[in-house]
């Protein structure tokens, strides 16, 4: 048996083993759970801050940038939407307050 045949046999055995597929599935599931957790935390923060600004009926430019650029846009790219989008749309219509 030459070296290429041996390497091919080992590679096929590794790929076809159930342990290898279980490892890859666990890794994929863990990544999905992290993404879901991150989406949940971002959603909570967007809802909290957005509601706060809506109740104050004003927002500063830095608050707006923080909410939109650093929270909502990444949240949206990860697939988040719904009620957070509704809050962000309302925040976008608020008058800008002077920075202190």
PDB file of N, CA and C in Angstrom:
ATOM      1  N   UNK A   1       0.855  -1.169   0.000  1.00  0.00           N
ATOM      2  CA  UNK A   1       0.000   0.000   0.000  1.00  0.00           C
ATOM      3  C   UNK A   1       0.903   1.234   0.000  1.00  0.00           C
ATOM      4  N   UNK A   2       0.661   2.128  -0.943  1.00  0.00           N
ATOM      5  CA  UNK A   2       1.482   3.338  -0.985  1.00  0.00           C
ATOM      6  C   UNK A   2       0.923   4.386  -0.010  1.00  0.00           C
ATOM      7  N   UNK A   3       1.673   5.453   0.183  1.00  0.00           N
ATOM      8  CA  UNK A   3       1.327   6.479   1.167  1.00  0.00           C
ATOM      9  C   UNK A   3       0.030   7.195   0.820  1.00  0.00           C
ATOM     10  N   UNK A   4      -0.234   7.450  -0.447  1.00  0.00           N
ATOM     11  CA  UNK A   4      -1.458   8.148  -0.860  1.00  0.00           C
ATOM     12  C   UNK A   4      -2.705   7.308  -0.565  1.00  0.00           C
ATOM     13  N   UNK A   5      -2.620   6.022  -0.784  1.00  0.00           N
ATOM     14  CA  UNK A   5      -3.742   5.136  -0.490  1.00  0.00           C
ATOM     15  C   UNK A   5      -4.007   5.115   1.007  1.00  0.00           C
ATOM     16  N   UNK A   6      -2.956   5.070   1.793  1.00  0.00           N
ATOM     17  CA  UNK A   6      -3.082   5.058   3.249  1.00  0.00           C
ATOM     18  C   UNK A   6      -3.707   6.366   3.745  1.00  0.00           C
ATOM     19  N   UNK A   7      -3.203   7.500   3.269  1.00  0.00           N
ATOM     20  CA  UNK A   7      -3.729   8.808   3.682  1.00  0.00           C
ATOM     21  C   UNK A   7      -5.193   8.928   3.281  1.00  0.00           C
ATOM     22  N   UNK A   8      -5.514   8.479   2.082  1.00  0.00           N
ATOM     23  CA  UNK A   8      -6.902   8.528   1.616  1.00  0.00           C
ATOM     24  C   UNK A   8      -7.806   7.689   2.509  1.00  0.00           C
ATOM     25  N   UNK A   9      -7.344   6.496   2.880  1.00  0.00           N
ATOM     26  CA  UNK A   9      -8.140   5.620   3.737  1.00  0.00           C
ATOM     27  C   UNK A   9      -8.378   6.239   5.106  1.00  0.00           C
ATOM     28  N   UNK A  10      -7.346   6.850   5.683  1.00  0.00           N
ATOM     29  CA  UNK A  10      -7.475   7.503   6.986  1.00  0.00           C
ATOM     30  C   UNK A  10      -8.427   8.689   6.884  1.00  0.00           C
ATOM     31  N   UNK A  11      -8.302   9.467   5.827  1.00  0.00           N
ATOM     32  CA  UNK A  11      -9.157  10.631   5.630  1.00  0.00           C
ATOM     33  C   UNK A  11     -10.622  10.223   5.487  1.00  0.00           C
ATOM     34  N   UNK A  12     -10.900   9.218   4.687  1.00  0.00           N
ATOM     35  CA  UNK A  12     -12.272   8.733   4.503  1.00  0.00           C
ATOM     36  C   UNK A  12     -12.826   8.194   5.816  1.00  0.00           C
ATOM     37  N   UNK A  13     -12.028   7.452   6.559  1.00  0.00           N
ATOM     38  CA  UNK A  13     -12.479   6.903   7.837  1.00  0.00           C
ATOM     39  C   UNK A  13     -12.806   8.020   8.830  1.00  0.00           C
ATOM     40  N   UNK A  14     -11.986   9.055   8.856  1.00  0.00           N
ATOM     41  CA  UNK A  14     -12.205  10.178   9.778  1.00  0.00           C
ATOM     42  C   UNK A  14     -13.477  10.935   9.422  1.00  0.00           C
ATOM     43  N   UNK A  15     -13.644  11.245   8.155  1.00  0.00           N
ATOM     44  CA  UNK A  15     -14.808  12.014   7.714  1.00  0.00           C
ATOM     45  C   UNK A  15     -16.097  11.236   7.915  1.00  0.00           C
ATOM     46  N   UNK A  16     -16.046   9.944   7.700  1.00  0.00           N
ATOM     47  CA  UNK A  16     -17.276   9.154   7.806  1.00  0.00           C
ATOM     48  C   UNK A  16     -17.600   8.725   9.230  1.00  0.00           C
ATOM     49  N   UNK A  17     -16.723   8.987  10.174  1.00  0.00           N
ATOM     50  CA  UNK A  17     -16.993   8.563  11.549  1.00  0.00           C
ATOM     51  C   UNK A  17     -18.091   9.425  12.171  1.00  0.00           C
ATOM     52  N   UNK A  18     -18.930   8.790  12.975  1.00  0.00           N
ATOM     53  CA  UNK A  18     -20.041   9.513  13.609  1.00  0.00           C
ATOM     54  C   UNK A  18     -19.525  10.514  14.645  1.00  0.00           C
ATOM     55  N   UNK A  19     -18.397  10.224  15.262  1.00  0.00           N
ATOM     56  CA  UNK A  19     -17.822  11.139  16.241  1.00  0.00           C
ATOM     57  C   UNK A  19     -17.428  12.465  15.627  1.00  0.00           C
ATOM     58  N   UNK A  20     -16.910  12.402  14.424  1.00  0.00           N
ATOM     59  CA  UNK A  20     -16.515  13.632  13.728  1.00  0.00           C
ATOM     60  C   UNK A  20     -17.746  14.488  13.444  1.00  0.00           C
ATOM     61  N   UNK A  21     -18.808  13.862  12.966  1.00  0.00           N
ATOM     62  CA  UNK A  21     -20.031  14.616  12.654  1.00  0.00           C
ATOM     63  C   UNK A  21     -20.682  15.149  13.928  1.00  0.00           C
ATOM     64  N   UNK A  22     -20.640  14.408  15.002  1.00  0.00           N
ATOM     65  CA  UNK A  22     -21.193  14.868  16.279  1.00  0.00           C
ATOM     66  C   UNK A  22     -20.428  16.082  16.780  1.00  0.00           C
ATOM     67  N   UNK A  23     -19.094  16.051  16.656  1.00  0.00           N
ATOM     68  CA  UNK A  23     -18.265  17.186  17.050  1.00  0.00           C
ATOM     69  C   UNK A  23     -18.638  18.432  16.252  1.00  0.00           C
ATOM     70  N   UNK A  24     -18.747  18.285  14.950  1.00  0.00           N
ATOM     71  CA  UNK A  24     -19.096  19.427  14.097  1.00  0.00           C
ATOM     72  C   UNK A  24     -20.491  19.958  14.412  1.00  0.00           C
ATOM     73  N   UNK A  25     -21.432  19.078  14.700  1.00  0.00           N
ATOM     74  CA  UNK A  25     -22.787  19.500  15.034  1.00  0.00           C
ATOM     75  C   UNK A  25     -22.820  20.269  16.352  1.00  0.00           C
ATOM     76  N   UNK A  26     -22.103  19.771  17.366  1.00  0.00           N
ATOM     77  CA  UNK A  26     -22.039  20.475  18.655  1.00  0.00           C
ATOM     78  C   UNK A  26     -21.425  21.849  18.478  1.00  0.00           C
ATOM     79  N   UNK A  27     -20.396  21.944  17.683  1.00  0.00           N
ATOM     80  CA  UNK A  27     -19.735  23.234  17.438  1.00  0.00           C
ATOM     81  C   UNK A  27     -20.706  24.195  16.759  1.00  0.00           C
ATOM     82  N   UNK A  28     -21.460  23.698  15.795  1.00  0.00           N
ATOM     83  CA  UNK A  28     -22.444  24.524  15.087  1.00  0.00           C
ATOM     84  C   UNK A  28     -23.555  24.978  16.036  1.00  0.00           C
ATOM     85  N   UNK A  29     -24.056  24.057  16.866  1.00  0.00           N
ATOM     86  CA  UNK A  29     -25.118  24.389  17.814  1.00  0.00           C
ATOM     87  C   UNK A  29     -24.654  25.428  18.822  1.00  0.00           C
ATOM     88  N   UNK A  30     -23.421  25.311  19.288  1.00  0.00           N
ATOM     89  CA  UNK A  30     -22.877  26.262  20.258  1.00  0.00           C
ATOM     90  C   UNK A  30     -22.801  27.649  19.643  1.00  0.00           C
ATOM     91  N   UNK A  31     -22.373  27.728  18.392  1.00  0.00           N
ATOM     92  CA  UNK A  31     -22.302  29.016  17.708  1.00  0.00           C
ATOM     93  C   UNK A  31     -23.697  29.612  17.563  1.00  0.00           C
ATOM     94  N   UNK A  32     -24.673  28.785  17.230  1.00  0.00           N
ATOM     95  CA  UNK A  32     -26.037  29.277  17.108  1.00  0.00           C
ATOM     96  C   UNK A  32     -26.566  29.801  18.439  1.00  0.00           C
ATOM     97  N   UNK A  33     -26.257  29.117  19.525  1.00  0.00           N
ATOM     98  CA  UNK A  33     -26.700  29.563  20.843  1.00  0.00           C
ATOM     99  C   UNK A  33     -26.062  30.894  21.207  1.00  0.00           C
ATOM    100  N   UNK A  34     -24.783  31.061  20.873  1.00  0.00           N
ATOM    101  CA  UNK A  34     -24.111  32.338  21.145  1.00  0.00           C
ATOM    102  C   UNK A  34     -24.747  33.458  20.337  1.00  0.00           C
ATOM    103  N   UNK A  35     -25.068  33.187  19.082  1.00  0.00           N
ATOM    104  CA  UNK A  35     -25.701  34.193  18.234  1.00  0.00           C
ATOM    105  C   UNK A  35     -27.070  34.564  18.785  1.00  0.00           C
ATOM    106  N   UNK A  36     -27.834  33.567  19.201  1.00  0.00           N
ATOM    107  CA  UNK A  36     -29.156  33.829  19.769  1.00  0.00           C
ATOM    108  C   UNK A  36     -29.057  34.649  21.047  1.00  0.00           C
ATOM    109  N   UNK A  37     -28.086  34.323  21.881  1.00  0.00           N
ATOM    110  CA  UNK A  37     -27.892  35.072  23.121  1.00  0.00           C
ATOM    111  C   UNK A  37     -27.510  36.513  22.815  1.00  0.00           C
ATOM    112  N   UNK A  38     -26.597  36.704  21.876  1.00  0.00           N
ATOM    113  CA  UNK A  38     -26.180  38.048  21.492  1.00  0.00           C
ATOM    114  C   UNK A  38     -27.352  38.845  20.929  1.00  0.00           C
ATOM    115  N   UNK A  39     -28.163  38.218  20.094  1.00  0.00           N
ATOM    116  CA  UNK A  39     -29.353  38.878  19.561  1.00  0.00           C
ATOM    117  C   UNK A  39     -30.305  39.269  20.689  1.00  0.00           C
ATOM    118  N   UNK A  40     -30.480  38.377  21.649  1.00  0.00           N
ATOM    119  CA  UNK A  40     -31.364  38.667  22.770  1.00  0.00           C
ATOM    120  C   UNK A  40     -30.886  39.836  23.607  1.00  0.00           C
ATOM    121  N   UNK A  41     -29.598  39.873  23.881  1.00  0.00           N
ATOM    122  CA  UNK A  41     -29.039  40.979  24.662  1.00  0.00           C
ATOM    123  C   UNK A  41     -29.141  42.303  23.911  1.00  0.00           C
ATOM    124  N   UNK A  42     -28.837  42.275  22.615  1.00  0.00           N
ATOM    125  CA  UNK A  42     -28.949  43.494  21.811  1.00  0.00           C
ATOM    126  C   UNK A  42     -30.399  43.955  21.748  1.00  0.00           C
ATOM    127  N   UNK A  43     -31.321  43.014  21.574  1.00  0.00           N
ATOM    128  CA  UNK A  43     -32.743  43.356  21.515  1.00  0.00           C
ATOM    129  C   UNK A  43     -33.196  44.020  22.810  1.00  0.00           C
ATOM    130  N   UNK A  44     -32.804  43.436  23.925  1.00  0.00           N
ATOM    131  CA  UNK A  44     -33.177  43.992  25.223  1.00  0.00           C
ATOM    132  C   UNK A  44     -32.651  45.416  25.383  1.00  0.00           C
ATOM    133  N   UNK A  45     -31.403  45.628  25.009  1.00  0.00           N
ATOM    134  CA  UNK A  45     -30.794  46.961  25.165  1.00  0.00           C
ATOM    135  C   UNK A  45     -31.428  47.980  24.224  1.00  0.00           C
ATOM    136  N   UNK A  46     -31.710  47.568  22.981  1.00  0.00           N
ATOM    137  CA  UNK A  46     -32.367  48.463  22.021  1.00  0.00           C
ATOM    138  C   UNK A  46     -33.745  48.855  22.539  1.00  0.00           C
ATOM    139  N   UNK A  47     -34.486  47.880  23.039  1.00  0.00           N
ATOM    140  CA  UNK A  47     -35.831  48.154  23.556  1.00  0.00           C
ATOM    141  C   UNK A  47     -35.774  49.083  24.774  1.00  0.00           C
ATOM    142  N   UNK A  48     -34.837  48.808  25.674  1.00  0.00           N
ATOM    143  CA  UNK A  48     -34.729  49.623  26.886  1.00  0.00           C
ATOM    144  C   UNK A  48     -34.350  51.069  26.551  1.00  0.00           C
ATOM    145  N   UNK A  49     -33.263  51.236  25.802  1.00  0.00           N
ATOM    146  CA  UNK A  49     -32.813  52.586  25.479  1.00  0.00           C
ATOM    147  C   UNK A  49     -33.814  53.321  24.593  1.00  0.00           C
ATOM    148  N   UNK A  50     -34.334  52.631  23.587  1.00  0.00           N
ATOM    149  CA  UNK A  50     -35.294  53.263  22.686  1.00  0.00           C
ATOM    150  C   UNK A  50     -36.519  53.762  23.423  1.00  0.00           C
ATOM    151  N   UNK A  51     -37.033  52.932  24.319  1.00  0.00           N
ATOM    152  CA  UNK A  51     -38.206  53.329  25.106  1.00  0.00           C
ATOM    153  C   UNK A  51     -37.883  54.516  26.007  1.00  0.00           C
ATOM    154  N   UNK A  52     -36.693  54.519  26.585  1.00  0.00           N
ATOM    155  CA  UNK A  52     -36.253  55.635  27.424  1.00  0.00           C
ATOM    156  C   UNK A  52     -36.235  56.940  26.625  1.00  0.00           C
ATOM    157  N   UNK A  53     -35.649  56.911  25.437  1.00  0.00           N
ATOM    158  CA  UNK A  53     -35.582  58.114  24.605  1.00  0.00           C
ATOM    159  C   UNK A  53     -36.972  58.560  24.156  1.00  0.00           C
ATOM    160  N   UNK A  54     -37.822  57.612  23.843  1.00  0.00           N
ATOM    161  CA  UNK A  54     -39.185  57.945  23.418  1.00  0.00           C
ATOM    162  C   UNK A  54     -39.940  58.626  24.565  1.00  0.00           C
ATOM    163  N   UNK A  55     -39.775  58.121  25.775  1.00  0.00           N
ATOM    164  CA  UNK A  55     -40.439  58.725  26.943  1.00  0.00           C
ATOM    165  C   UNK A  55     -39.884  60.115  27.237  1.00  0.00           C
ATOM    166  N   UNK A  56     -38.579  60.311  26.990  1.00  0.00           N
ATOM    167  CA  UNK A  56     -37.977  61.640  27.179  1.00  0.00           C
ATOM    168  C   UNK A  56     -38.354  62.566  26.029  1.00  0.00           C
ATOM    169  N   UNK A  57     -38.796  61.987  24.926  1.00  0.00           N
ATOM    170  CA  UNK A  57     -39.154  62.705  23.703  1.00  0.00           C
ATOM    171  C   UNK A  57     -37.988  63.515  23.137  1.00  0.00           C
ATOM    172  N   UNK A  58     -36.771  62.996  23.302  1.00  0.00           N
ATOM    173  CA  UNK A  58     -35.579  63.635  22.731  1.00  0.00           C
ATOM    174  C   UNK A  58     -34.413  62.661  22.802  1.00  0.00           C
ATOM    175  N   UNK A  59     -33.396  62.944  22.005  1.00  0.00           N
ATOM    176  CA  UNK A  59     -32.200  62.110  21.973  1.00  0.00           C
ATOM    177  C   UNK A  59     -31.028  62.964  21.525  1.00  0.00           C
ATOM    178  N   UNK A  60     -29.844  62.737  22.107  1.00  0.00           N
ATOM    179  CA  UNK A  60     -28.654  63.467  21.656  1.00  0.00           C
ATOM    180  C   UNK A  60     -28.051  62.733  20.453  1.00  0.00           C
ATOM    181  N   UNK A  61     -27.183  63.421  19.742  1.00  0.00           N
ATOM    182  CA  UNK A  61     -26.544  62.810  18.579  1.00  0.00           C
ATOM    183  C   UNK A  61     -25.708  61.587  18.974  1.00  0.00           C
ATOM    184  N   UNK A  62     -24.989  61.671  20.092  1.00  0.00           N
ATOM    185  CA  UNK A  62     -24.163  60.534  20.530  1.00  0.00           C
ATOM    186  C   UNK A  62     -25.030  59.357  20.993  1.00  0.00           C
ATOM    187  N   UNK A  63     -26.148  59.645  21.650  1.00  0.00           N
ATOM    188  CA  UNK A  63     -27.069  58.572  22.029  1.00  0.00           C
ATOM    189  C   UNK A  63     -27.644  57.890  20.788  1.00  0.00           C
ATOM    190  N   UNK A  64     -27.989  58.701  19.802  1.00  0.00           N
ATOM    191  CA  UNK A  64     -28.539  58.187  18.554  1.00  0.00           C
ATOM    192  C   UNK A  64     -27.516  57.305  17.844  1.00  0.00           C
ATOM    193  N   UNK A  65     -26.274  57.779  17.759  1.00  0.00           N
ATOM    194  CA  UNK A  65     -25.211  57.006  17.112  1.00  0.00           C
ATOM    195  C   UNK A  65     -24.972  55.690  17.849  1.00  0.00           C
ATOM    196  N   UNK A  66     -24.950  55.734  19.170  1.00  0.00           N
ATOM    197  CA  UNK A  66     -24.752  54.527  19.960  1.00  0.00           C
ATOM    198  C   UNK A  66     -25.866  53.511  19.690  1.00  0.00           C
ATOM    199  N   UNK A  67     -27.099  53.977  19.696  1.00  0.00           N
ATOM    200  CA  UNK A  67     -28.234  53.077  19.498  1.00  0.00           C
ATOM    201  C   UNK A  67     -28.265  52.494  18.088  1.00  0.00           C
ATOM    202  N   UNK A  68     -28.096  53.336  17.093  1.00  0.00           N
ATOM    203  CA  UNK A  68     -28.245  52.892  15.712  1.00  0.00           C
ATOM    204  C   UNK A  68     -26.987  52.178  15.209  1.00  0.00           C
ATOM    205  N   UNK A  69     -25.843  52.839  15.271  1.00  0.00           N
ATOM    206  CA  UNK A  69     -24.614  52.315  14.678  1.00  0.00           C
ATOM    207  C   UNK A  69     -24.051  51.109  15.423  1.00  0.00           C
ATOM    208  N   UNK A  70     -24.047  51.184  16.743  1.00  0.00           N
ATOM    209  CA  UNK A  70     -23.365  50.147  17.512  1.00  0.00           C
ATOM    210  C   UNK A  70     -24.276  49.053  18.055  1.00  0.00           C
ATOM    211  N   UNK A  71     -25.589  49.285  18.055  1.00  0.00           N
ATOM    212  CA  UNK A  71     -26.512  48.248  18.532  1.00  0.00           C
ATOM    213  C   UNK A  71     -27.450  47.753  17.428  1.00  0.00           C
ATOM    214  N   UNK A  72     -28.236  48.678  16.844  1.00  0.00           N
ATOM    215  CA  UNK A  72     -29.278  48.228  15.935  1.00  0.00           C
ATOM    216  C   UNK A  72     -28.740  47.670  14.613  1.00  0.00           C
ATOM    217  N   UNK A  73     -27.782  48.343  13.992  1.00  0.00           N
ATOM    218  CA  UNK A  73     -27.284  47.863  12.696  1.00  0.00           C
ATOM    219  C   UNK A  73     -26.645  46.468  12.793  1.00  0.00           C
ATOM    220  N   UNK A  74     -25.783  46.200  13.781  1.00  0.00           N
ATOM    221  CA  UNK A  74     -25.270  44.826  13.919  1.00  0.00           C
ATOM    222  C   UNK A  74     -26.382  43.824  14.267  1.00  0.00           C
ATOM    223  N   UNK A  75     -27.326  44.248  15.095  1.00  0.00           N
ATOM    224  CA  UNK A  75     -28.465  43.397  15.459  1.00  0.00           C
ATOM    225  C   UNK A  75     -29.249  43.012  14.205  1.00  0.00           C
ATOM    226  N   UNK A  76     -29.482  43.971  13.357  1.00  0.00           N
ATOM    227  CA  UNK A  76     -30.227  43.717  12.117  1.00  0.00           C
ATOM    228  C   UNK A  76     -29.445  42.787  11.187  1.00  0.00           C
ATOM    229  N   UNK A  77     -28.116  42.965  11.100  1.00  0.00           N
ATOM    230  CA  UNK A  77     -27.284  42.103  10.250  1.00  0.00           C
ATOM    231  C   UNK A  77     -27.301  40.654  10.728  1.00  0.00           C
ATOM    232  N   UNK A  78     -27.449  40.447  12.037  1.00  0.00           N
ATOM    233  CA  UNK A  78     -27.516  39.085  12.580  1.00  0.00           C
ATOM    234  C   UNK A  78     -28.894  38.456  12.410  1.00  0.00           C
ATOM    235  N   UNK A  79     -29.839  39.238  11.895  1.00  0.00           N
ATOM    236  CA  UNK A  79     -31.165  38.691  11.631  1.00  0.00           C
ATOM    237  C   UNK A  79     -32.253  39.177  12.569  1.00  0.00           C
ATOM    238  N   UNK A  80     -31.931  40.055  13.482  1.00  0.00           N
ATOM    239  CA  UNK A  80     -32.944  40.583  14.390  1.00  0.00           C
ATOM    240  C   UNK A  80     -33.856  41.573  13.682  1.00  0.00           C
ATOM    241  N   UNK A  81     -35.090  41.656  14.138  1.00  0.00           N
ATOM    242  CA  UNK A  81     -36.042  42.604  13.554  1.00  0.00           C
ATOM    243  C   UNK A  81     -37.254  42.720  14.462  1.00  0.00           C
ATOM    244  N   UNK A  82     -38.389  43.045  13.910  1.00  0.00           N
ATOM    245  CA  UNK A  82     -39.632  43.062  14.674  1.00  0.00           C
ATOM    246  C   UNK A  82     -39.799  44.266  15.561  1.00  0.00           C
ATOM    247  N   UNK A  83     -40.032  44.014  16.841  1.00  0.00           N
ATOM    248  CA  UNK A  83     -40.339  45.100  17.767  1.00  0.00           C
ATOM    249  C   UNK A  83     -39.176  46.078  17.912  1.00  0.00           C
ATOM    250  N   UNK A  84     -37.944  45.606  17.807  1.00  0.00           N
ATOM    251  CA  UNK A  84     -36.798  46.518  17.888  1.00  0.00           C
ATOM    252  C   UNK A  84     -36.812  47.495  16.713  1.00  0.00           C
ATOM    253  N   UNK A  85     -37.177  47.033  15.530  1.00  0.00           N
ATOM    254  CA  UNK A  85     -37.262  47.912  14.364  1.00  0.00           C
ATOM    255  C   UNK A  85     -38.333  48.973  14.590  1.00  0.00           C
ATOM    256  N   UNK A  86     -39.436  48.572  15.165  1.00  0.00           N
ATOM    257  CA  UNK A  86     -40.517  49.526  15.454  1.00  0.00           C
ATOM    258  C   UNK A  86     -40.025  50.626  16.403  1.00  0.00           C
ATOM    259  N   UNK A  87     -39.327  50.245  17.450  1.00  0.00           N
ATOM    260  CA  UNK A  87     -38.795  51.219  18.413  1.00  0.00           C
ATOM    261  C   UNK A  87     -37.779  52.134  17.736  1.00  0.00           C
ATOM    262  N   UNK A  88     -36.874  51.565  16.947  1.00  0.00           N
ATOM    263  CA  UNK A  88     -35.844  52.360  16.267  1.00  0.00           C
ATOM    264  C   UNK A  88     -36.483  53.351  15.295  1.00  0.00           C
ATOM    265  N   UNK A  89     -37.517  52.932  14.588  1.00  0.00           N
ATOM    266  CA  UNK A  89     -38.217  53.850  13.676  1.00  0.00           C
ATOM    267  C   UNK A  89     -38.808  55.028  14.441  1.00  0.00           C
ATOM    268  N   UNK A  90     -39.348  54.766  15.624  1.00  0.00           N
ATOM    269  CA  UNK A  90     -39.894  55.861  16.446  1.00  0.00           C
ATOM    270  C   UNK A  90     -38.777  56.759  16.966  1.00  0.00           C
ATOM    271  N   UNK A  91     -37.648  56.173  17.347  1.00  0.00           N
ATOM    272  CA  UNK A  91     -36.511  56.970  17.845  1.00  0.00           C
ATOM    273  C   UNK A  91     -35.982  57.886  16.739  1.00  0.00           C
ATOM    274  N   UNK A  92     -35.968  57.381  15.510  1.00  0.00           N
ATOM    275  CA  UNK A  92     -35.462  58.183  14.384  1.00  0.00           C
ATOM    276  C   UNK A  92     -36.278  59.452  14.151  1.00  0.00           C
ATOM    277  N   UNK A  93     -37.490  59.489  14.628  1.00  0.00           N
ATOM    278  CA  UNK A  93     -38.330  60.681  14.447  1.00  0.00           C
ATOM    279  C   UNK A  93     -38.230  61.667  15.607  1.00  0.00           C
ATOM    280  N   UNK A  94     -37.467  61.322  16.638  1.00  0.00           N
ATOM    281  CA  UNK A  94     -37.342  62.212  17.801  1.00  0.00           C
ATOM    282  C   UNK A  94     -36.473  63.427  17.472  1.00  0.00           C
ATOM    283  N   UNK A  95     -36.775  64.560  18.140  1.00  0.00           N
ATOM    284  CA  UNK A  95     -35.922  65.748  17.963  1.00  0.00           C
ATOM    285  C   UNK A  95     -34.559  65.523  18.632  1.00  0.00           C
ATOM    286  N   UNK A  96     -33.511  66.077  18.005  1.00  0.00           N
ATOM    287  CA  UNK A  96     -32.166  65.977  18.571  1.00  0.00           C
ATOM    288  C   UNK A  96     -31.998  67.029  19.664  1.00  0.00           C
ATOM    289  N   UNK A  97     -31.421  66.599  20.779  1.00  0.00           N
ATOM    290  CA  UNK A  97     -31.149  67.485  21.922  1.00  0.00           C
ATOM    291  C   UNK A  97     -29.678  67.886  21.855  1.00  0.00           C
ATOM    292  N   UNK A  98     -29.370  69.086  22.277  1.00  0.00           N
ATOM    293  CA  UNK A  98     -27.988  69.570  22.343  1.00  0.00           C
ATOM    294  C   UNK A  98     -27.170  68.698  23.308  1.00  0.00           C
ATOM    295  N   UNK A  99     -25.924  68.406  22.917  1.00  0.00           N
ATOM    296  CA  UNK A  99     -25.030  67.672  23.815  1.00  0.00           C
ATOM    297  C   UNK A  99     -24.646  68.570  24.983  1.00  0.00           C
ATOM    298  N   UNK A 100     -24.467  67.976  26.158  1.00  0.00           N
ATOM    299  CA  UNK A 100     -24.088  68.743  27.345  1.00  0.00           C
ATOM    300  C   UNK A 100     -22.611  68.640  27.566  1.00  0.00           C
TER     301      UNK A 100
END
